[in-house]
Amino acid sequence: MEIVAEAGFNGIEAANADEALAILESRSDIAVVFADIDMPGSLNGMQLANQIRDRWPPTEIILTSGQLRPHNDRMPARAVYIPKPYQSSKIAQTLRGFTR
């Protein structure tokens, strides 16, 4: 969350995929979702990303993992993968790129 704020954005934290979906359902101002592929909840980060792409197509998606590297053909359209450990500058650069 600190990285997002340092990049000049307001972040909203979700404890798991279910909470992230509830936030997306209740708000219309979410532009980017940044999720770990290996996250808790009834969905993993890849499943969450696929639901986001289906239900909120304009929302940008950043996925990360220190364990799994998804094949490009499994990534939702326009989703960006950044492996862990990542540099905060890479996250900031990616976020700023979405707002251009």
N, C-alpha and C. Protein backbone atom coordinates (compact mmCIF):
# COMPACT_ATOMS: atom_id res chain seq x y z
N MET A 1 0.83 -1.18 0.00
CA MET A 1 0.00 0.00 0.00
C MET A 1 0.88 1.26 0.00
N GLU A 2 1.98 1.18 0.68
CA GLU A 2 2.90 2.31 0.76
C GLU A 2 3.45 2.66 -0.63
N ILE A 3 3.75 1.64 -1.42
CA ILE A 3 4.27 1.86 -2.78
C ILE A 3 3.24 2.62 -3.61
N VAL A 4 1.99 2.25 -3.48
CA VAL A 4 0.91 2.90 -4.24
C VAL A 4 0.80 4.37 -3.84
N ALA A 5 0.85 4.64 -2.55
CA ALA A 5 0.77 6.02 -2.07
C ALA A 5 1.98 6.83 -2.52
N GLU A 6 3.16 6.24 -2.45
CA GLU A 6 4.37 6.94 -2.88
C GLU A 6 4.35 7.26 -4.38
N ALA A 7 3.60 6.46 -5.14
CA ALA A 7 3.47 6.70 -6.58
C ALA A 7 2.43 7.78 -6.87
N GLY A 8 1.75 8.26 -5.81
CA GLY A 8 0.78 9.33 -5.98
C GLY A 8 -0.65 8.88 -6.15
N PHE A 9 -0.95 7.67 -5.74
CA PHE A 9 -2.29 7.12 -5.89
C PHE A 9 -2.89 6.79 -4.53
N ASN A 10 -4.21 6.77 -4.47
CA ASN A 10 -4.92 6.35 -3.26
C ASN A 10 -5.20 4.86 -3.39
N GLY A 11 -4.77 4.09 -2.42
CA GLY A 11 -4.98 2.66 -2.45
C GLY A 11 -6.05 2.23 -1.48
N ILE A 12 -6.71 1.13 -1.82
CA ILE A 12 -7.70 0.50 -0.95
C ILE A 12 -7.24 -0.94 -0.80
N GLU A 13 -7.08 -1.38 0.42
CA GLU A 13 -6.57 -2.71 0.68
C GLU A 13 -7.70 -3.70 0.89
N ALA A 14 -7.53 -4.89 0.32
CA ALA A 14 -8.48 -5.99 0.53
C ALA A 14 -7.70 -7.16 1.11
N ALA A 15 -8.29 -7.85 2.07
CA ALA A 15 -7.61 -8.96 2.74
C ALA A 15 -7.57 -10.21 1.87
N ASN A 16 -8.52 -10.33 0.93
CA ASN A 16 -8.58 -11.51 0.07
C ASN A 16 -9.39 -11.19 -1.18
N ALA A 17 -9.51 -12.17 -2.07
CA ALA A 17 -10.21 -11.95 -3.34
C ALA A 17 -11.69 -11.63 -3.12
N ASP A 18 -12.31 -12.27 -2.15
CA ASP A 18 -13.73 -12.01 -1.89
C ASP A 18 -13.96 -10.56 -1.48
N GLU A 19 -13.10 -10.05 -0.64
CA GLU A 19 -13.20 -8.66 -0.21
C GLU A 19 -12.91 -7.71 -1.39
N ALA A 20 -11.96 -8.08 -2.22
CA ALA A 20 -11.66 -7.26 -3.40
C ALA A 20 -12.87 -7.17 -4.32
N LEU A 21 -13.55 -8.29 -4.53
CA LEU A 21 -14.75 -8.27 -5.37
C LEU A 21 -15.85 -7.42 -4.75
N ALA A 22 -16.01 -7.51 -3.44
CA ALA A 22 -17.03 -6.70 -2.75
C ALA A 22 -16.72 -5.21 -2.92
N ILE A 23 -15.45 -4.84 -2.84
CA ILE A 23 -15.06 -3.44 -3.02
C ILE A 23 -15.36 -3.01 -4.46
N LEU A 24 -15.00 -3.82 -5.42
CA LEU A 24 -15.26 -3.49 -6.82
C LEU A 24 -16.76 -3.35 -7.09
N GLU A 25 -17.57 -4.18 -6.44
CA GLU A 25 -19.02 -4.11 -6.62
C GLU A 25 -19.62 -2.85 -6.00
N SER A 26 -18.97 -2.31 -4.98
CA SER A 26 -19.54 -1.17 -4.26
C SER A 26 -18.98 0.18 -4.70
N ARG A 27 -17.97 0.16 -5.55
CA ARG A 27 -17.32 1.42 -5.96
C ARG A 27 -17.17 1.47 -7.47
N SER A 28 -17.22 2.65 -8.00
CA SER A 28 -17.04 2.81 -9.45
C SER A 28 -15.73 3.52 -9.78
N ASP A 29 -14.92 3.80 -8.77
CA ASP A 29 -13.70 4.57 -8.99
C ASP A 29 -12.41 3.74 -8.92
N ILE A 30 -12.51 2.43 -8.99
CA ILE A 30 -11.32 1.58 -8.95
C ILE A 30 -10.78 1.46 -10.37
N ALA A 31 -9.57 1.93 -10.58
CA ALA A 31 -8.97 1.93 -11.92
C ALA A 31 -7.98 0.79 -12.12
N VAL A 32 -7.32 0.37 -11.02
CA VAL A 32 -6.27 -0.65 -11.10
C VAL A 32 -6.41 -1.59 -9.91
N VAL A 33 -6.24 -2.88 -10.16
CA VAL A 33 -6.18 -3.87 -9.09
C VAL A 33 -4.80 -4.51 -9.14
N PHE A 34 -4.14 -4.52 -7.98
CA PHE A 34 -2.81 -5.10 -7.83
C PHE A 34 -2.97 -6.29 -6.89
N ALA A 35 -2.75 -7.51 -7.39
CA ALA A 35 -3.02 -8.71 -6.60
C ALA A 35 -1.91 -9.73 -6.71
N ASP A 36 -1.71 -10.46 -5.63
CA ASP A 36 -0.79 -11.59 -5.62
C ASP A 36 -1.54 -12.80 -6.19
N ILE A 37 -0.90 -13.56 -7.03
CA ILE A 37 -1.54 -14.75 -7.59
C ILE A 37 -1.89 -15.73 -6.48
N ASP A 38 -1.03 -15.85 -5.49
CA ASP A 38 -1.24 -16.79 -4.38
C ASP A 38 -1.86 -16.04 -3.21
N MET A 39 -3.15 -15.69 -3.33
CA MET A 39 -3.81 -14.93 -2.27
C MET A 39 -4.88 -15.79 -1.61
N PRO A 40 -5.23 -15.44 -0.36
CA PRO A 40 -6.24 -16.21 0.35
C PRO A 40 -7.64 -15.90 -0.16
N GLY A 41 -8.57 -16.74 0.21
CA GLY A 41 -9.96 -16.54 -0.17
C GLY A 41 -10.44 -17.66 -1.07
N SER A 42 -11.66 -17.52 -1.54
CA SER A 42 -12.23 -18.57 -2.38
C SER A 42 -11.66 -18.55 -3.80
N LEU A 43 -10.98 -17.47 -4.16
CA LEU A 43 -10.34 -17.34 -5.48
C LEU A 43 -8.87 -16.99 -5.29
N ASN A 44 -8.02 -17.48 -6.19
CA ASN A 44 -6.64 -17.01 -6.17
C ASN A 44 -6.56 -15.74 -7.02
N GLY A 45 -5.40 -15.14 -7.08
CA GLY A 45 -5.25 -13.88 -7.79
C GLY A 45 -5.53 -13.97 -9.28
N MET A 46 -5.19 -15.09 -9.90
CA MET A 46 -5.46 -15.27 -11.33
C MET A 46 -6.97 -15.37 -11.57
N GLN A 47 -7.67 -16.10 -10.72
CA GLN A 47 -9.12 -16.20 -10.85
C GLN A 47 -9.77 -14.84 -10.61
N LEU A 48 -9.27 -14.11 -9.63
CA LEU A 48 -9.77 -12.76 -9.38
C LEU A 48 -9.56 -11.90 -10.62
N ALA A 49 -8.38 -11.94 -11.19
CA ALA A 49 -8.07 -11.14 -12.38
C ALA A 49 -9.01 -11.48 -13.54
N ASN A 50 -9.29 -12.75 -13.72
CA ASN A 50 -10.20 -13.15 -14.79
C ASN A 50 -11.62 -12.63 -14.55
N GLN A 51 -12.07 -12.66 -13.30
CA GLN A 51 -13.39 -12.11 -12.99
C GLN A 51 -13.42 -10.60 -13.21
N ILE A 52 -12.35 -9.94 -12.83
CA ILE A 52 -12.28 -8.49 -13.04
C ILE A 52 -12.36 -8.17 -14.52
N ARG A 53 -11.60 -8.90 -15.33
CA ARG A 53 -11.60 -8.65 -16.77
C ARG A 53 -12.99 -8.88 -17.35
N ASP A 54 -13.70 -9.91 -16.89
CA ASP A 54 -15.05 -10.20 -17.38
C ASP A 54 -16.08 -9.17 -16.91
N ARG A 55 -16.00 -8.77 -15.65
CA ARG A 55 -17.04 -7.92 -15.06
C ARG A 55 -16.73 -6.42 -15.13
N TRP A 56 -15.47 -6.07 -15.09
CA TRP A 56 -15.04 -4.66 -15.13
C TRP A 56 -13.93 -4.52 -16.17
N PRO A 57 -14.25 -4.65 -17.44
CA PRO A 57 -13.22 -4.66 -18.49
C PRO A 57 -12.26 -3.48 -18.49
N PRO A 58 -12.69 -2.26 -18.16
CA PRO A 58 -11.73 -1.14 -18.19
C PRO A 58 -10.68 -1.17 -17.07
N THR A 59 -10.93 -1.93 -16.02
CA THR A 59 -10.02 -1.97 -14.87
C THR A 59 -8.69 -2.61 -15.27
N GLU A 60 -7.61 -1.94 -14.95
CA GLU A 60 -6.27 -2.47 -15.22
C GLU A 60 -5.90 -3.45 -14.12
N ILE A 61 -5.02 -4.39 -14.44
CA ILE A 61 -4.66 -5.45 -13.50
C ILE A 61 -3.15 -5.63 -13.48
N ILE A 62 -2.60 -5.64 -12.26
CA ILE A 62 -1.20 -6.00 -12.05
C ILE A 62 -1.20 -7.25 -11.17
N LEU A 63 -0.55 -8.29 -11.64
CA LEU A 63 -0.41 -9.53 -10.86
C LEU A 63 1.04 -9.71 -10.47
N THR A 64 1.24 -10.30 -9.30
CA THR A 64 2.59 -10.57 -8.82
C THR A 64 2.63 -11.94 -8.15
N SER A 65 3.81 -12.48 -8.02
CA SER A 65 4.00 -13.73 -7.29
C SER A 65 5.49 -13.95 -7.10
N GLY A 66 5.82 -14.55 -5.99
CA GLY A 66 7.19 -14.98 -5.74
C GLY A 66 7.33 -16.46 -6.02
N GLN A 67 6.22 -17.12 -6.32
CA GLN A 67 6.22 -18.57 -6.51
C GLN A 67 5.89 -18.97 -7.94
N LEU A 68 4.80 -18.41 -8.46
CA LEU A 68 4.28 -18.83 -9.75
C LEU A 68 4.50 -17.76 -10.82
N ARG A 69 4.88 -18.19 -11.98
CA ARG A 69 4.96 -17.28 -13.12
C ARG A 69 3.95 -17.79 -14.15
N PRO A 70 2.88 -17.05 -14.36
CA PRO A 70 1.84 -17.52 -15.27
C PRO A 70 2.31 -17.49 -16.73
N HIS A 71 1.81 -18.44 -17.50
CA HIS A 71 2.07 -18.42 -18.93
C HIS A 71 1.29 -17.25 -19.53
N ASN A 72 1.86 -16.62 -20.52
CA ASN A 72 1.22 -15.46 -21.14
C ASN A 72 -0.19 -15.77 -21.63
N ASP A 73 -0.43 -16.98 -22.11
CA ASP A 73 -1.75 -17.33 -22.62
C ASP A 73 -2.79 -17.50 -21.51
N ARG A 74 -2.37 -17.53 -20.26
CA ARG A 74 -3.31 -17.64 -19.13
C ARG A 74 -3.61 -16.27 -18.51
N MET A 75 -2.84 -15.27 -18.90
CA MET A 75 -3.03 -13.92 -18.34
C MET A 75 -4.24 -13.26 -18.99
N PRO A 76 -5.05 -12.56 -18.19
CA PRO A 76 -6.16 -11.80 -18.78
C PRO A 76 -5.61 -10.71 -19.70
N ALA A 77 -6.41 -10.32 -20.66
CA ALA A 77 -6.01 -9.26 -21.59
C ALA A 77 -5.55 -8.03 -20.82
N ARG A 78 -4.47 -7.44 -21.27
CA ARG A 78 -3.88 -6.21 -20.73
C ARG A 78 -3.32 -6.35 -19.33
N ALA A 79 -3.39 -7.50 -18.71
CA ALA A 79 -2.83 -7.66 -17.36
C ALA A 79 -1.30 -7.64 -17.44
N VAL A 80 -0.70 -7.10 -16.41
CA VAL A 80 0.76 -6.99 -16.31
C VAL A 80 1.23 -7.90 -15.18
N TYR A 81 2.28 -8.66 -15.44
CA TYR A 81 2.87 -9.51 -14.40
C TYR A 81 4.20 -8.91 -13.98
N ILE A 82 4.37 -8.74 -12.67
CA ILE A 82 5.63 -8.25 -12.11
C ILE A 82 6.07 -9.25 -11.03
N PRO A 83 7.17 -9.98 -11.26
CA PRO A 83 7.59 -10.99 -10.28
C PRO A 83 8.14 -10.37 -9.00
N LYS A 84 7.99 -11.11 -7.90
CA LYS A 84 8.60 -10.74 -6.62
C LYS A 84 10.00 -11.31 -6.60
N PRO A 85 10.91 -10.70 -5.94
CA PRO A 85 10.78 -9.39 -5.30
C PRO A 85 10.78 -8.30 -6.35
N TYR A 86 9.91 -7.34 -6.19
CA TYR A 86 9.83 -6.27 -7.16
C TYR A 86 10.36 -4.98 -6.55
N GLN A 87 10.74 -4.08 -7.42
CA GLN A 87 11.21 -2.77 -6.98
C GLN A 87 10.01 -1.83 -6.98
N SER A 88 9.93 -1.00 -5.98
CA SER A 88 8.80 -0.07 -5.89
C SER A 88 8.75 0.84 -7.11
N SER A 89 9.90 1.15 -7.69
CA SER A 89 9.91 2.01 -8.87
C SER A 89 9.21 1.34 -10.06
N LYS A 90 9.30 0.02 -10.16
CA LYS A 90 8.63 -0.71 -11.24
C LYS A 90 7.12 -0.65 -11.07
N ILE A 91 6.64 -0.78 -9.84
CA ILE A 91 5.20 -0.69 -9.57
C ILE A 91 4.73 0.73 -9.88
N ALA A 92 5.45 1.72 -9.41
CA ALA A 92 5.08 3.12 -9.66
C ALA A 92 5.05 3.41 -11.16
N GLN A 93 6.05 2.96 -11.88
CA GLN A 93 6.11 3.18 -13.32
C GLN A 93 4.91 2.53 -14.02
N THR A 94 4.56 1.33 -13.61
CA THR A 94 3.42 0.62 -14.22
C THR A 94 2.11 1.35 -13.92
N LEU A 95 1.93 1.77 -12.67
CA LEU A 95 0.73 2.51 -12.30
C LEU A 95 0.61 3.81 -13.10
N ARG A 96 1.69 4.51 -13.20
CA ARG A 96 1.68 5.78 -13.96
C ARG A 96 1.40 5.53 -15.43
N GLY A 97 1.88 4.42 -15.94
CA GLY A 97 1.63 4.08 -17.34
C GLY A 97 0.17 3.85 -17.64
N PHE A 98 -0.58 3.38 -16.67
CA PHE A 98 -2.02 3.16 -16.86
C PHE A 98 -2.79 4.48 -16.94
N THR A 99 -2.26 5.52 -16.35
CA THR A 99 -3.00 6.78 -16.27
C THR A 99 -2.70 7.71 -17.44
N ARG A 100 -1.91 7.27 -18.37
CA ARG A 100 -1.58 8.14 -19.53
C ARG A 100 -2.64 8.06 -20.58
